[in-house]
Protein backbone atom coordinates (compact mmCIF):
# COMPACT_ATOMS: atom_id res chain seq x y z
CA UNK A 1 87.17 76.50 59.22
CA UNK A 2 85.27 77.74 56.18
CA UNK A 3 86.96 78.90 52.97
CA UNK A 4 86.24 82.59 53.56
CA UNK A 5 87.84 82.55 57.02
CA UNK A 6 90.86 80.66 55.65
CA UNK A 7 91.30 83.23 52.87
CA UNK A 8 91.03 86.09 55.34
CA UNK A 9 93.73 84.57 57.58
CA UNK A 10 95.95 83.96 54.56
CA UNK A 11 95.63 87.52 53.28
CA UNK A 12 96.48 88.79 56.75
CA UNK A 13 99.59 86.58 56.83
CA UNK A 14 100.74 87.76 53.38
CA UNK A 15 100.20 91.39 54.35
CA UNK A 16 102.16 90.89 57.56
CA UNK A 17 105.02 89.00 55.89
CA UNK A 18 105.17 90.80 52.54
CA UNK A 19 108.55 92.38 53.31
CA UNK A 20 110.04 89.01 54.26
CA UNK A 21 108.95 87.52 50.95
CA UNK A 22 110.37 90.42 48.93
CA UNK A 23 113.61 90.40 50.93
CA UNK A 24 114.19 86.71 50.27
CA UNK A 25 113.32 87.05 46.59
CA UNK A 26 115.65 90.07 46.30
CA UNK A 27 118.55 87.98 47.58
CA UNK A 28 118.10 85.66 44.61
CA UNK A 29 117.43 88.16 41.82
CA UNK A 30 117.49 91.83 41.02
CA UNK A 31 115.61 91.47 37.74
CA UNK A 32 112.20 93.07 38.32
CA UNK A 33 110.31 90.52 36.20
CA UNK A 34 111.96 87.55 37.92
CA UNK A 35 111.44 89.19 41.31
CA UNK A 36 107.70 89.47 40.69
CA UNK A 37 107.61 85.93 39.35
CA UNK A 38 109.39 84.60 42.44
CA UNK A 39 107.10 86.62 44.72
CA UNK A 40 103.99 85.20 43.02
CA UNK A 41 105.38 81.67 43.05
CA UNK A 42 106.14 82.03 46.76
CA UNK A 43 102.61 83.26 47.51
CA UNK A 44 101.18 80.33 45.53
CA UNK A 45 103.33 77.87 47.50
CA UNK A 46 102.32 79.54 50.76
CA UNK A 47 98.66 79.22 49.80
CA UNK A 48 99.12 75.54 48.92
CA UNK A 49 100.74 74.86 52.29
CA UNK A 50 98.62 77.20 54.41
CA UNK A 51 95.85 74.72 55.31
CA UNK A 52 98.53 72.36 56.64
CA UNK A 53 100.42 75.02 58.63
CA UNK A 54 100.14 73.86 62.24
CA UNK A 55 101.76 76.92 63.85
CA UNK A 56 104.43 74.77 65.51
CA UNK A 57 106.84 77.56 64.61
CA UNK A 58 106.35 81.28 64.10
CA UNK A 59 104.50 82.21 60.93
CA UNK A 60 107.46 84.32 59.81
CA UNK A 61 109.77 81.31 60.14
CA UNK A 62 107.42 79.24 58.00
CA UNK A 63 107.21 82.05 55.41
CA UNK A 64 111.03 82.38 55.29
CA UNK A 65 111.40 78.66 54.72
CA UNK A 66 108.79 78.48 51.95
CA UNK A 67 110.21 81.61 50.28
CA UNK A 68 113.78 80.32 50.33
CA UNK A 69 112.80 76.87 49.11
CA UNK A 70 110.73 78.43 46.32
CA UNK A 71 113.62 80.64 45.18
CA UNK A 72 116.16 77.84 45.32
CA UNK A 73 113.85 75.46 43.43
CA UNK A 74 113.11 78.12 40.82
CA UNK A 75 116.80 78.53 40.01
CA UNK A 76 117.54 74.81 40.14
CA UNK A 77 114.91 74.24 37.45
CA UNK A 78 116.45 76.81 35.15
CA UNK A 79 120.15 76.33 34.51
CA UNK A 80 120.18 79.39 32.26
CA UNK A 81 119.93 81.69 35.28
CA UNK A 82 123.15 83.43 36.36
CA UNK A 83 124.90 82.08 39.44
CA UNK A 84 125.61 85.52 40.87
CA UNK A 85 123.08 88.22 41.44
CA UNK A 86 124.07 91.89 41.18
CA UNK A 87 122.76 94.41 43.68
CA UNK A 88 119.58 96.03 42.34
CA UNK A 89 120.21 99.42 40.76
CA UNK A 90 117.17 100.89 42.47
CA UNK A 91 118.66 100.03 45.86
CA UNK A 92 121.96 101.65 44.96
CA UNK A 93 120.19 104.72 43.60
CA UNK A 94 118.17 105.11 46.78
CA UNK A 95 121.34 105.33 48.86
CA UNK A 96 123.15 108.63 48.81
CA UNK A 97 126.91 108.63 48.47
CA UNK A 98 127.14 111.42 51.05
CA UNK A 99 126.64 109.02 53.92
CA UNK A 100 129.65 106.72 54.54
CA UNK A 101 127.33 104.13 56.08
CA UNK A 102 125.47 103.83 52.76
CA UNK A 103 128.77 103.22 50.97
CA UNK A 104 129.55 100.34 53.32
CA UNK A 105 126.02 98.97 52.91
CA UNK A 106 126.45 98.96 49.12
CA UNK A 107 129.78 97.18 49.47
CA UNK A 108 128.28 94.60 51.81
CA UNK A 109 125.44 93.89 49.36
CA UNK A 110 127.93 93.45 46.51
CA UNK A 111 129.92 90.97 48.57
CA UNK A 112 126.82 89.07 49.70
CA UNK A 113 125.69 88.76 46.08
CA UNK A 114 128.93 86.91 45.32
CA UNK A 115 128.18 84.21 47.91
CA UNK A 116 126.52 80.88 47.20
CA UNK A 117 122.77 80.47 47.63
CA UNK A 118 122.90 78.84 51.07
CA UNK A 119 125.51 81.32 52.26
CA UNK A 120 123.32 84.23 51.09
CA UNK A 121 120.31 82.78 52.87
CA UNK A 122 122.32 82.24 56.04
CA UNK A 123 123.76 85.76 56.16
CA UNK A 124 120.37 87.28 55.25
CA UNK A 125 118.73 85.57 58.21
CA UNK A 126 121.59 86.52 60.53
CA UNK A 127 121.47 90.17 59.40
CA UNK A 128 117.71 90.05 59.98
CA UNK A 129 118.58 89.15 63.60
CA UNK A 130 117.03 85.69 63.54
CA UNK A 131 118.12 83.31 66.30
CA UNK A 132 120.33 80.33 65.52
CA UNK A 133 117.38 78.08 66.36
CA UNK A 134 115.15 79.86 63.88
CA UNK A 135 117.85 79.90 61.18
CA UNK A 136 118.38 76.18 61.68
CA UNK A 137 114.66 75.54 61.35
CA UNK A 138 114.31 77.67 58.22
CA UNK A 139 117.35 76.20 56.46
CA UNK A 140 116.88 72.65 57.70
CA UNK A 141 120.32 72.37 59.30
CA UNK A 142 121.43 71.88 62.89
CA UNK A 143 121.95 74.81 65.27
CA UNK A 144 125.67 73.98 65.61
CA UNK A 145 125.93 73.84 61.82
CA UNK A 146 124.44 77.35 61.68
CA UNK A 147 127.18 78.68 63.93
CA UNK A 148 129.94 76.92 62.02
CA UNK A 149 128.69 77.98 58.60
CA UNK A 150 128.00 81.51 59.75
CA UNK A 151 131.57 81.90 61.01
CA UNK A 152 132.86 80.60 57.67
CA UNK A 153 130.66 83.04 55.75
CA UNK A 154 131.81 85.95 57.91
CA UNK A 155 135.45 84.95 57.31
CA UNK A 156 134.78 84.63 53.60
CA UNK A 157 133.21 88.10 53.50
CA UNK A 158 136.21 89.56 55.36
CA UNK A 159 138.63 87.97 52.88
CA UNK A 160 136.54 89.16 49.93
CA UNK A 161 136.50 92.70 51.28
CA UNK A 162 140.30 92.78 51.46
CA UNK A 163 140.73 91.93 47.78
């Protein structure tokens, strides 16, 4: 495959999966500068790995995995980053207080932001209605481990919401 065709396929993939990349990056930071930095770093890592992508899994699964690994690596390299990530103000501002569902969504985001990195990734994928198989593949854990950890995270969220 020539370079031009490869670039065209890559741009198509990024366009298709742009929301996935932003969603994953948002889970790890609400700071706009850091969000853009993580997004760009993820796209760079996707480009580096794209020629070797063998389509043994769905493209979105591959993108999730690269995005999560990029975000986790980014924060591992910088110990000065905060361990918890507040919900972005722009998200809160976009939700009206009139709708009770929006109130619960805000509360859920606040609770999720208090979870650990792996727990956040796990609940994000589950809320995005990914299968246990796909979550296991993205996170590099077994399918049974997904179920066990997911139940623990749900219990943890319930306990946190009662505080």
